[in-house]
């Protein structure tokens, strides 16, 4: 909590040497000069408190553009939120988003974009002793390929591009993602 100018004025007056040359009365000329310095100390103290708030992306105001630049926002594939609370929420989502390496994590991510019920399937290479007769034989690269199937109502407002971008950005680099859409 920032201290007041009056509190700083009292401290400055207490630091003066004793004697009649430096009266400690706040209404004296010396007291008023001390108040002039105290105003600046109180302002700086308040700005230090502001910096604590600015260091937290949930409460930032002045440094929001800096935080957004750090987090890679605005994202060209996602519409920019309008208003300070929405921008803070988007920043917080970007900074704390953690997507695991299993399908349910990506399904939850897709649901946050407004597409519940997405499914993910994986292709796998033929493995001797594991695959059965009649299973397709591939070159091994298909084991890193996964297919996201999204069911969306016709006329959906949320852009599909944003979903694809979010999934691809979080997908392991050694994998290949394909999207299929089922419109109902």
N, C-alpha and C. Protein backbone atom coordinates (compact mmCIF):
# COMPACT_ATOMS: atom_id res chain seq x y z
N UNK A 1 0.84 -1.18 0.00
CA UNK A 1 0.00 0.00 0.00
C UNK A 1 0.89 1.24 0.00
N UNK A 2 0.58 2.13 -0.88
CA UNK A 2 1.39 3.35 -1.03
C UNK A 2 1.20 4.27 0.18
N UNK A 3 2.27 4.87 0.56
CA UNK A 3 2.23 5.82 1.68
C UNK A 3 1.82 7.19 1.17
N UNK A 4 1.24 7.97 2.06
CA UNK A 4 0.76 9.30 1.67
C UNK A 4 1.89 10.33 1.70
N UNK A 5 1.64 11.44 1.05
CA UNK A 5 2.62 12.54 1.04
C UNK A 5 2.83 13.08 2.45
N UNK A 6 1.77 13.09 3.24
CA UNK A 6 1.89 13.59 4.61
C UNK A 6 2.80 12.69 5.45
N UNK A 7 2.72 11.38 5.22
CA UNK A 7 3.60 10.45 5.96
C UNK A 7 5.06 10.70 5.57
N UNK A 8 5.30 10.90 4.30
CA UNK A 8 6.67 11.21 3.86
C UNK A 8 7.12 12.57 4.39
N UNK A 9 6.21 13.54 4.44
CA UNK A 9 6.56 14.86 4.96
C UNK A 9 7.01 14.75 6.42
N UNK A 10 6.29 14.00 7.22
CA UNK A 10 6.66 13.83 8.62
C UNK A 10 8.04 13.18 8.75
N UNK A 11 8.31 12.17 7.91
CA UNK A 11 9.61 11.51 7.97
C UNK A 11 10.74 12.45 7.55
N UNK A 12 10.50 13.24 6.52
CA UNK A 12 11.52 14.19 6.07
C UNK A 12 11.81 15.23 7.15
N UNK A 13 10.76 15.73 7.79
CA UNK A 13 10.94 16.71 8.86
C UNK A 13 11.68 16.09 10.05
N UNK A 14 11.45 14.81 10.32
CA UNK A 14 12.11 14.13 11.44
C UNK A 14 13.60 13.94 11.16
N UNK A 15 13.99 13.94 9.90
CA UNK A 15 15.40 13.76 9.54
C UNK A 15 16.22 15.04 9.66
N UNK A 16 15.53 16.18 9.80
CA UNK A 16 16.26 17.46 9.89
C UNK A 16 17.01 17.55 11.22
N UNK A 17 18.13 18.27 11.22
CA UNK A 17 18.87 18.43 12.48
C UNK A 17 18.04 19.25 13.48
N UNK A 18 18.25 19.02 14.76
CA UNK A 18 17.49 19.77 15.76
C UNK A 18 17.92 21.24 15.79
N UNK A 19 17.01 22.08 16.19
CA UNK A 19 17.34 23.51 16.34
C UNK A 19 16.28 24.38 15.70
N UNK A 20 16.38 25.69 15.97
CA UNK A 20 15.39 26.65 15.49
C UNK A 20 15.50 26.91 13.99
N UNK A 21 16.61 26.57 13.40
CA UNK A 21 16.79 26.83 11.96
C UNK A 21 15.89 25.93 11.11
N UNK A 22 15.52 24.77 11.62
CA UNK A 22 14.70 23.82 10.86
C UNK A 22 13.46 23.45 11.67
N UNK A 23 12.44 24.26 11.62
CA UNK A 23 11.23 23.94 12.38
C UNK A 23 10.56 22.68 11.80
N UNK A 24 9.97 21.90 12.68
CA UNK A 24 9.32 20.65 12.27
C UNK A 24 7.81 20.81 12.09
N UNK A 25 7.34 22.01 12.13
CA UNK A 25 5.92 22.30 11.93
C UNK A 25 5.58 22.11 10.45
N UNK A 26 4.54 21.34 10.15
CA UNK A 26 4.18 21.06 8.76
C UNK A 26 3.69 22.30 8.02
N UNK A 27 3.23 23.31 8.74
CA UNK A 27 2.74 24.54 8.10
C UNK A 27 3.85 25.54 7.82
N UNK A 28 5.04 25.31 8.36
CA UNK A 28 6.15 26.24 8.15
C UNK A 28 6.67 26.14 6.71
N UNK A 29 7.54 27.09 6.33
CA UNK A 29 8.14 27.08 5.00
C UNK A 29 8.93 25.77 4.82
N UNK A 30 9.68 25.39 5.84
CA UNK A 30 10.45 24.13 5.77
C UNK A 30 9.50 22.95 5.60
N UNK A 31 8.38 22.98 6.32
CA UNK A 31 7.39 21.91 6.19
C UNK A 31 6.78 21.85 4.81
N UNK A 32 6.54 23.00 4.20
CA UNK A 32 5.97 23.04 2.85
C UNK A 32 6.97 22.56 1.80
N UNK A 33 8.27 22.91 1.99
CA UNK A 33 9.31 22.39 1.08
C UNK A 33 9.39 20.88 1.21
N UNK A 34 9.33 20.39 2.45
CA UNK A 34 9.35 18.93 2.67
C UNK A 34 8.15 18.27 2.02
N UNK A 35 6.99 18.94 2.06
CA UNK A 35 5.79 18.40 1.42
C UNK A 35 5.96 18.31 -0.10
N UNK A 36 6.66 19.29 -0.67
CA UNK A 36 6.93 19.23 -2.11
C UNK A 36 7.72 17.99 -2.49
N UNK A 37 8.75 17.68 -1.69
CA UNK A 37 9.51 16.45 -1.93
C UNK A 37 8.65 15.22 -1.63
N UNK A 38 7.87 15.32 -0.57
CA UNK A 38 7.04 14.18 -0.14
C UNK A 38 6.01 13.81 -1.20
N UNK A 39 5.48 14.81 -1.90
CA UNK A 39 4.51 14.52 -2.97
C UNK A 39 5.13 13.60 -4.03
N UNK A 40 6.36 13.89 -4.39
CA UNK A 40 7.03 13.07 -5.40
C UNK A 40 7.33 11.67 -4.87
N UNK A 41 7.75 11.58 -3.61
CA UNK A 41 8.01 10.26 -3.01
C UNK A 41 6.72 9.43 -2.97
N UNK A 42 5.61 10.07 -2.63
CA UNK A 42 4.33 9.36 -2.58
C UNK A 42 3.90 8.92 -3.99
N UNK A 43 4.14 9.78 -4.97
CA UNK A 43 3.81 9.40 -6.35
C UNK A 43 4.63 8.20 -6.79
N UNK A 44 5.93 8.22 -6.50
CA UNK A 44 6.79 7.09 -6.86
C UNK A 44 6.39 5.82 -6.11
N UNK A 45 6.00 5.97 -4.86
CA UNK A 45 5.55 4.83 -4.08
C UNK A 45 4.29 4.22 -4.71
N UNK A 46 3.38 5.09 -5.15
CA UNK A 46 2.17 4.61 -5.83
C UNK A 46 2.48 3.92 -7.14
N UNK A 47 3.43 4.44 -7.89
CA UNK A 47 3.82 3.81 -9.15
C UNK A 47 4.46 2.45 -8.91
N UNK A 48 5.20 2.31 -7.78
CA UNK A 48 5.76 1.00 -7.44
C UNK A 48 4.64 0.01 -7.17
N UNK A 49 3.59 0.43 -6.50
CA UNK A 49 2.43 -0.44 -6.30
C UNK A 49 1.77 -0.78 -7.63
N UNK A 50 1.70 0.21 -8.52
CA UNK A 50 1.13 -0.05 -9.84
C UNK A 50 1.94 -1.10 -10.60
N UNK A 51 3.26 -1.05 -10.44
CA UNK A 51 4.12 -2.02 -11.13
C UNK A 51 3.83 -3.45 -10.68
N UNK A 52 3.50 -3.61 -9.42
CA UNK A 52 3.15 -4.94 -8.92
C UNK A 52 1.90 -5.43 -9.63
N UNK A 53 0.92 -4.54 -9.81
CA UNK A 53 -0.30 -4.92 -10.53
C UNK A 53 0.00 -5.20 -12.00
N UNK A 54 0.88 -4.43 -12.59
CA UNK A 54 1.22 -4.60 -14.01
C UNK A 54 2.01 -5.88 -14.26
N UNK A 55 2.69 -6.38 -13.25
CA UNK A 55 3.48 -7.60 -13.41
C UNK A 55 2.60 -8.84 -13.48
N UNK A 56 1.34 -8.70 -13.14
CA UNK A 56 0.40 -9.82 -13.19
C UNK A 56 -0.50 -9.65 -14.41
N UNK A 57 -0.48 -10.60 -15.35
CA UNK A 57 -1.29 -10.44 -16.56
C UNK A 57 -2.79 -10.38 -16.28
N UNK A 58 -3.24 -10.87 -15.12
CA UNK A 58 -4.66 -10.81 -14.80
C UNK A 58 -5.11 -9.41 -14.43
N UNK A 59 -4.17 -8.55 -14.00
CA UNK A 59 -4.53 -7.21 -13.55
C UNK A 59 -3.84 -6.11 -14.34
N UNK A 60 -3.09 -6.47 -15.36
CA UNK A 60 -2.33 -5.47 -16.12
C UNK A 60 -3.26 -4.50 -16.84
N UNK A 61 -2.77 -3.30 -17.00
CA UNK A 61 -3.52 -2.27 -17.71
C UNK A 61 -2.58 -1.56 -18.68
N UNK A 62 -1.62 -0.83 -18.14
CA UNK A 62 -0.67 -0.09 -18.97
C UNK A 62 0.24 -1.01 -19.79
N UNK A 63 0.60 -2.15 -19.22
CA UNK A 63 1.55 -3.05 -19.88
C UNK A 63 0.86 -4.15 -20.68
N UNK A 64 -0.45 -4.06 -20.87
CA UNK A 64 -1.16 -5.08 -21.62
C UNK A 64 -0.60 -5.29 -23.03
N UNK A 65 -0.29 -4.24 -23.80
CA UNK A 65 0.30 -4.48 -25.12
C UNK A 65 1.65 -5.21 -25.04
N UNK A 66 2.44 -4.92 -24.01
CA UNK A 66 3.71 -5.62 -23.84
C UNK A 66 3.48 -7.10 -23.53
N UNK A 67 2.53 -7.38 -22.64
CA UNK A 67 2.21 -8.76 -22.31
C UNK A 67 1.68 -9.50 -23.54
N UNK A 68 0.83 -8.84 -24.32
CA UNK A 68 0.28 -9.48 -25.51
C UNK A 68 1.39 -9.81 -26.50
N UNK A 69 2.34 -8.89 -26.67
CA UNK A 69 3.47 -9.16 -27.56
C UNK A 69 4.29 -10.35 -27.08
N UNK A 70 4.49 -10.46 -25.79
CA UNK A 70 5.23 -11.58 -25.21
C UNK A 70 4.52 -12.91 -25.49
N UNK A 71 3.18 -12.89 -25.42
CA UNK A 71 2.40 -14.12 -25.58
C UNK A 71 2.05 -14.41 -27.04
N UNK A 72 2.48 -13.55 -27.96
CA UNK A 72 2.16 -13.79 -29.37
C UNK A 72 0.75 -13.39 -29.73
N UNK A 73 0.21 -12.43 -29.04
CA UNK A 73 -1.13 -11.93 -29.33
C UNK A 73 -1.02 -10.53 -29.93
N UNK A 74 -1.91 -10.09 -30.75
CA UNK A 74 -3.05 -10.85 -31.23
C UNK A 74 -2.64 -11.92 -32.23
N UNK A 75 -3.29 -13.03 -32.12
CA UNK A 75 -3.03 -14.16 -33.00
C UNK A 75 -3.76 -13.91 -34.32
N UNK A 76 -3.07 -13.99 -35.46
CA UNK A 76 -3.73 -13.68 -36.73
C UNK A 76 -4.88 -14.62 -37.08
N UNK A 77 -4.89 -15.81 -36.48
CA UNK A 77 -5.95 -16.77 -36.81
C UNK A 77 -7.16 -16.65 -35.88
N UNK A 78 -7.04 -15.86 -34.84
CA UNK A 78 -8.12 -15.74 -33.87
C UNK A 78 -8.54 -14.28 -33.81
N UNK A 79 -9.83 -14.00 -33.88
CA UNK A 79 -10.27 -12.61 -33.82
C UNK A 79 -9.81 -11.94 -32.51
N UNK A 80 -9.36 -10.71 -32.61
CA UNK A 80 -8.88 -9.99 -31.43
C UNK A 80 -10.05 -9.65 -30.51
N UNK A 81 -9.92 -9.99 -29.23
CA UNK A 81 -11.01 -9.65 -28.30
C UNK A 81 -11.15 -8.14 -28.16
N UNK A 82 -12.35 -7.71 -27.91
CA UNK A 82 -12.63 -6.29 -27.76
C UNK A 82 -12.85 -5.98 -26.29
N UNK A 83 -12.21 -4.97 -25.81
CA UNK A 83 -12.36 -4.55 -24.42
C UNK A 83 -11.24 -5.09 -23.55
N UNK A 84 -10.93 -4.34 -22.52
CA UNK A 84 -9.83 -4.69 -21.62
C UNK A 84 -10.04 -6.03 -20.92
N UNK A 85 -11.20 -6.32 -20.34
CA UNK A 85 -11.38 -7.62 -19.67
C UNK A 85 -11.23 -8.80 -20.63
N UNK A 86 -11.75 -8.68 -21.84
CA UNK A 86 -11.64 -9.77 -22.81
C UNK A 86 -10.19 -9.97 -23.26
N UNK A 87 -9.46 -8.88 -23.42
CA UNK A 87 -8.05 -8.99 -23.80
C UNK A 87 -7.24 -9.63 -22.68
N UNK A 88 -7.53 -9.25 -21.44
CA UNK A 88 -6.85 -9.87 -20.30
C UNK A 88 -7.15 -11.36 -20.24
N UNK A 89 -8.41 -11.74 -20.46
CA UNK A 89 -8.80 -13.14 -20.43
C UNK A 89 -8.09 -13.93 -21.53
N UNK A 90 -7.99 -13.36 -22.72
CA UNK A 90 -7.29 -14.03 -23.82
C UNK A 90 -5.81 -14.19 -23.50
N UNK A 91 -5.23 -13.17 -22.89
CA UNK A 91 -3.82 -13.24 -22.48
C UNK A 91 -3.62 -14.32 -21.44
N UNK A 92 -4.49 -14.36 -20.45
CA UNK A 92 -4.36 -15.37 -19.40
C UNK A 92 -4.51 -16.77 -19.98
N UNK A 93 -5.48 -16.94 -20.87
CA UNK A 93 -5.66 -18.25 -21.51
C UNK A 93 -4.40 -18.66 -22.26
N UNK A 94 -3.79 -17.72 -22.98
CA UNK A 94 -2.60 -18.05 -23.75
C UNK A 94 -1.42 -18.41 -22.84
N UNK A 95 -1.28 -17.70 -21.73
CA UNK A 95 -0.14 -17.94 -20.85
C UNK A 95 -0.27 -19.21 -20.02
N UNK A 96 -1.50 -19.59 -19.67
CA UNK A 96 -1.64 -20.75 -18.80
C UNK A 96 -2.15 -21.99 -19.52
N UNK A 97 -2.39 -21.87 -20.82
CA UNK A 97 -2.92 -23.02 -21.53
C UNK A 97 -1.90 -24.15 -21.52
N UNK A 98 -2.37 -25.27 -21.08
CA UNK A 98 -1.53 -26.46 -21.05
C UNK A 98 -2.34 -27.57 -21.71
N UNK A 99 -1.84 -28.07 -22.78
CA UNK A 99 -2.49 -29.17 -23.46
C UNK A 99 -1.57 -30.36 -23.35
N UNK A 100 -2.11 -31.44 -22.86
CA UNK A 100 -1.32 -32.66 -22.71
C UNK A 100 -1.11 -33.34 -24.05
N UNK A 101 -0.62 -34.52 -23.96
CA UNK A 101 -0.29 -35.25 -25.18
C UNK A 101 -1.28 -36.38 -25.46
N UNK A 102 -2.48 -36.31 -24.88
CA UNK A 102 -3.45 -37.34 -25.22
C UNK A 102 -4.67 -36.71 -25.90
N UNK A 103 -5.45 -37.55 -26.53
CA UNK A 103 -6.56 -37.08 -27.36
C UNK A 103 -7.59 -36.28 -26.57
N UNK A 104 -7.87 -36.68 -25.34
CA UNK A 104 -8.90 -35.99 -24.57
C UNK A 104 -8.53 -34.53 -24.30
N UNK A 105 -7.25 -34.25 -24.16
CA UNK A 105 -6.83 -32.86 -23.96
C UNK A 105 -7.14 -32.01 -25.18
N UNK A 106 -6.91 -32.56 -26.36
CA UNK A 106 -7.20 -31.82 -27.59
C UNK A 106 -8.70 -31.71 -27.83
N UNK A 107 -9.45 -32.73 -27.44
CA UNK A 107 -10.91 -32.68 -27.57
C UNK A 107 -11.46 -31.58 -26.66
N UNK A 108 -10.90 -31.46 -25.44
CA UNK A 108 -11.30 -30.38 -24.53
C UNK A 108 -10.95 -29.01 -25.12
N UNK A 109 -9.79 -28.91 -25.74
CA UNK A 109 -9.38 -27.66 -26.37
C UNK A 109 -10.36 -27.27 -27.47
N UNK A 110 -10.72 -28.21 -28.30
CA UNK A 110 -11.66 -27.95 -29.40
C UNK A 110 -13.02 -27.55 -28.84
N UNK A 111 -13.44 -28.18 -27.74
CA UNK A 111 -14.72 -27.84 -27.11
C UNK A 111 -14.71 -26.40 -26.60
N UNK A 112 -13.56 -25.91 -26.13
CA UNK A 112 -13.48 -24.52 -25.67
C UNK A 112 -13.72 -23.54 -26.81
N UNK A 113 -13.49 -23.97 -28.03
CA UNK A 113 -13.75 -23.12 -29.19
C UNK A 113 -15.19 -23.27 -29.70
N UNK A 114 -15.98 -24.04 -28.99
CA UNK A 114 -17.39 -24.15 -29.34
C UNK A 114 -17.76 -25.36 -30.16
N UNK A 115 -16.90 -26.37 -30.20
CA UNK A 115 -17.19 -27.58 -30.97
C UNK A 115 -17.11 -28.80 -30.07
N UNK A 116 -18.13 -29.03 -29.24
CA UNK A 116 -18.10 -30.23 -28.40
C UNK A 116 -18.33 -31.47 -29.25
N UNK A 117 -17.84 -32.57 -28.79
CA UNK A 117 -18.07 -33.83 -29.49
C UNK A 117 -17.09 -34.12 -30.61
N UNK A 118 -15.98 -33.43 -30.68
CA UNK A 118 -14.97 -33.75 -31.69
C UNK A 118 -14.34 -35.10 -31.35
N UNK A 119 -13.87 -35.77 -32.35
CA UNK A 119 -13.19 -37.05 -32.14
C UNK A 119 -11.81 -37.00 -32.78
N UNK A 120 -10.94 -37.83 -32.26
CA UNK A 120 -9.59 -37.93 -32.80
C UNK A 120 -9.29 -39.40 -33.04
N UNK A 121 -8.81 -39.68 -34.22
CA UNK A 121 -8.40 -41.06 -34.54
C UNK A 121 -6.96 -41.04 -35.02
N UNK A 122 -6.32 -42.16 -34.85
CA UNK A 122 -4.90 -42.28 -35.19
C UNK A 122 -4.71 -43.39 -36.20
N UNK A 123 -3.83 -43.15 -37.14
CA UNK A 123 -3.40 -44.22 -38.03
C UNK A 123 -2.19 -44.86 -37.39
N UNK A 124 -2.03 -46.13 -37.63
CA UNK A 124 -0.86 -46.80 -37.07
C UNK A 124 -0.21 -47.67 -38.13
N UNK A 125 1.08 -47.82 -38.00
CA UNK A 125 1.83 -48.63 -38.94
C UNK A 125 1.63 -50.11 -38.62
N UNK A 126 1.87 -50.95 -39.59
CA UNK A 126 1.78 -52.40 -39.39
C UNK A 126 2.95 -52.83 -38.51
N UNK A 127 2.64 -53.52 -37.42
CA UNK A 127 3.67 -53.99 -36.50
C UNK A 127 3.53 -55.50 -36.39
N UNK A 128 4.60 -56.20 -36.68
CA UNK A 128 4.58 -57.67 -36.61
C UNK A 128 4.31 -58.09 -35.18
N UNK A 129 3.38 -59.00 -35.02
CA UNK A 129 3.03 -59.51 -33.71
C UNK A 129 1.93 -58.71 -33.04
N UNK A 130 1.67 -57.51 -33.55
CA UNK A 130 0.61 -56.67 -32.97
C UNK A 130 -0.52 -56.52 -33.96
N UNK A 131 -0.19 -56.18 -35.20
CA UNK A 131 -1.19 -56.00 -36.24
C UNK A 131 -1.66 -57.37 -36.71
N UNK A 132 -2.89 -57.39 -37.18
CA UNK A 132 -3.46 -58.64 -37.65
C UNK A 132 -3.39 -58.78 -39.15
N UNK A 133 -3.75 -59.98 -39.61
CA UNK A 133 -3.78 -60.23 -41.05
C UNK A 133 -4.85 -59.33 -41.67
N UNK A 134 -4.52 -58.75 -42.77
CA UNK A 134 -5.45 -57.87 -43.47
C UNK A 134 -5.31 -56.40 -43.09
N UNK A 135 -4.52 -56.08 -42.02
CA UNK A 135 -4.28 -54.69 -41.67
C UNK A 135 -3.40 -54.06 -42.73
N UNK A 136 -3.60 -52.78 -43.02
CA UNK A 136 -2.78 -52.15 -44.06
C UNK A 136 -1.32 -52.06 -43.63
N UNK A 137 -0.46 -52.16 -44.61
CA UNK A 137 0.97 -52.03 -44.37
C UNK A 137 1.38 -50.65 -44.87
N UNK A 138 1.99 -49.85 -44.01
CA UNK A 138 2.39 -48.50 -44.40
C UNK A 138 3.89 -48.34 -44.27
N UNK A 139 4.34 -47.12 -44.51
CA UNK A 139 5.77 -46.85 -44.48
C UNK A 139 6.27 -46.46 -43.08
N UNK A 140 5.41 -46.49 -42.10
CA UNK A 140 5.82 -46.13 -40.74
C UNK A 140 5.52 -44.68 -40.41
N UNK A 141 5.42 -43.83 -41.42
CA UNK A 141 5.14 -42.42 -41.17
C UNK A 141 3.72 -42.17 -40.71
N UNK A 142 2.83 -43.12 -41.01
CA UNK A 142 1.43 -42.92 -40.64
C UNK A 142 1.22 -42.99 -39.14
N UNK A 143 2.16 -43.52 -38.41
CA UNK A 143 1.98 -43.61 -36.96
C UNK A 143 2.01 -42.23 -36.30
N UNK A 144 2.47 -41.23 -37.03
CA UNK A 144 2.51 -39.87 -36.49
C UNK A 144 1.40 -38.99 -37.07
N UNK A 145 0.41 -39.62 -37.67
CA UNK A 145 -0.67 -38.90 -38.32
C UNK A 145 -1.94 -39.10 -37.51
N UNK A 146 -2.60 -37.99 -37.17
CA UNK A 146 -3.87 -38.10 -36.47
C UNK A 146 -4.91 -37.25 -37.15
N UNK A 147 -6.14 -37.70 -37.03
CA UNK A 147 -7.25 -37.08 -37.75
C UNK A 147 -8.25 -36.54 -36.73
N UNK A 148 -8.54 -35.25 -36.84
CA UNK A 148 -9.52 -34.61 -35.97
C UNK A 148 -10.82 -34.48 -36.76
N UNK A 149 -11.89 -35.04 -36.24
CA UNK A 149 -13.20 -34.95 -36.88
C UNK A 149 -14.06 -34.02 -36.02
N UNK A 150 -14.52 -32.95 -36.64
CA UNK A 150 -15.33 -31.95 -35.94
C UNK A 150 -16.71 -31.95 -36.56
N UNK A 151 -17.71 -32.10 -35.69
CA UNK A 151 -19.10 -32.01 -36.11
C UNK A 151 -19.58 -30.61 -35.79
N UNK A 152 -20.06 -29.92 -36.80
CA UNK A 152 -20.49 -28.53 -36.61
C UNK A 152 -21.82 -28.30 -37.31
N UNK A 153 -22.69 -27.54 -36.69
CA UNK A 153 -23.94 -27.21 -37.37
C UNK A 153 -23.70 -26.27 -38.55
N UNK A 154 -24.50 -26.41 -39.55
CA UNK A 154 -24.39 -25.53 -40.71
C UNK A 154 -24.66 -24.09 -40.25
N UNK A 155 -23.84 -23.16 -40.69
CA UNK A 155 -23.99 -21.77 -40.31
C UNK A 155 -23.28 -21.43 -39.01
N UNK A 156 -22.33 -22.25 -38.61
CA UNK A 156 -21.58 -22.00 -37.39
C UNK A 156 -20.85 -20.67 -37.48
N UNK A 157 -20.89 -19.90 -36.40
CA UNK A 157 -20.29 -18.57 -36.40
C UNK A 157 -18.80 -18.63 -36.08
N UNK A 158 -18.40 -19.47 -35.12
CA UNK A 158 -17.00 -19.52 -34.72
C UNK A 158 -16.15 -20.01 -35.88
N UNK A 159 -15.11 -19.28 -36.24
CA UNK A 159 -14.29 -19.68 -37.38
C UNK A 159 -13.55 -20.99 -37.13
N UNK A 160 -13.65 -21.87 -38.09
CA UNK A 160 -12.96 -23.15 -38.02
C UNK A 160 -11.45 -22.93 -38.06
N UNK A 161 -11.00 -21.90 -38.75
CA UNK A 161 -9.57 -21.63 -38.88
C UNK A 161 -8.93 -21.46 -37.51
N UNK A 162 -9.63 -20.83 -36.59
CA UNK A 162 -9.10 -20.62 -35.25
C UNK A 162 -8.88 -21.95 -34.53
N UNK A 163 -9.79 -22.89 -34.72
CA UNK A 163 -9.65 -24.20 -34.09
C UNK A 163 -8.44 -24.93 -34.66
N UNK A 164 -8.35 -24.94 -35.97
CA UNK A 164 -7.21 -25.61 -36.61
C UNK A 164 -5.90 -25.00 -36.14
N UNK A 165 -5.85 -23.69 -36.10
CA UNK A 165 -4.64 -23.01 -35.68
C UNK A 165 -4.27 -23.39 -34.24
N UNK A 166 -5.26 -23.40 -33.35
CA UNK A 166 -5.00 -23.74 -31.94
C UNK A 166 -4.49 -25.16 -31.79
N UNK A 167 -5.08 -26.09 -32.51
CA UNK A 167 -4.64 -27.49 -32.42
C UNK A 167 -3.25 -27.66 -33.01
N UNK A 168 -3.02 -27.10 -34.17
CA UNK A 168 -1.71 -27.25 -34.82
C UNK A 168 -0.60 -26.59 -34.00
N UNK A 169 -0.90 -25.47 -33.38
CA UNK A 169 0.10 -24.78 -32.58
C UNK A 169 0.53 -25.63 -31.38
N UNK A 170 -0.38 -26.44 -30.85
CA UNK A 170 -0.08 -27.24 -29.66
C UNK A 170 0.32 -28.68 -29.98
N UNK A 171 0.13 -29.08 -31.21
CA UNK A 171 0.44 -30.47 -31.59
C UNK A 171 1.94 -30.72 -31.52
N UNK A 172 2.33 -31.93 -31.13
CA UNK A 172 3.76 -32.25 -31.15
C UNK A 172 4.32 -32.04 -32.55
N UNK A 173 5.53 -31.53 -32.61
CA UNK A 173 6.11 -31.15 -33.90
C UNK A 173 6.34 -32.32 -34.85
N UNK A 174 6.48 -33.51 -34.31
CA UNK A 174 6.76 -34.66 -35.17
C UNK A 174 5.48 -35.30 -35.72
N UNK A 175 4.32 -34.68 -35.45
CA UNK A 175 3.06 -35.26 -35.92
C UNK A 175 2.46 -34.45 -37.05
N UNK A 176 1.53 -35.08 -37.74
CA UNK A 176 0.81 -34.45 -38.85
C UNK A 176 -0.68 -34.53 -38.53
N UNK A 177 -1.37 -33.41 -38.57
CA UNK A 177 -2.78 -33.36 -38.21
C UNK A 177 -3.62 -33.08 -39.45
N UNK A 178 -4.69 -33.85 -39.61
CA UNK A 178 -5.65 -33.63 -40.68
C UNK A 178 -7.01 -33.35 -40.03
N UNK A 179 -7.77 -32.44 -40.62
CA UNK A 179 -9.09 -32.10 -40.08
C UNK A 179 -10.17 -32.56 -41.04
N UNK A 180 -11.20 -33.16 -40.47
CA UNK A 180 -12.38 -33.53 -41.24
C UNK A 180 -13.58 -32.84 -40.59
N UNK A 181 -14.49 -32.40 -41.42
CA UNK A 181 -15.67 -31.70 -40.89
C UNK A 181 -16.93 -32.41 -41.33
N UNK A 182 -17.82 -32.57 -40.37
CA UNK A 182 -19.13 -33.15 -40.63
C UNK A 182 -20.15 -32.06 -40.29
N UNK A 183 -20.85 -31.58 -41.31
CA UNK A 183 -21.84 -30.53 -41.10
C UNK A 183 -23.22 -31.17 -40.94
N UNK A 184 -23.90 -30.76 -39.88
CA UNK A 184 -25.22 -31.31 -39.60
C UNK A 184 -26.26 -30.22 -39.57
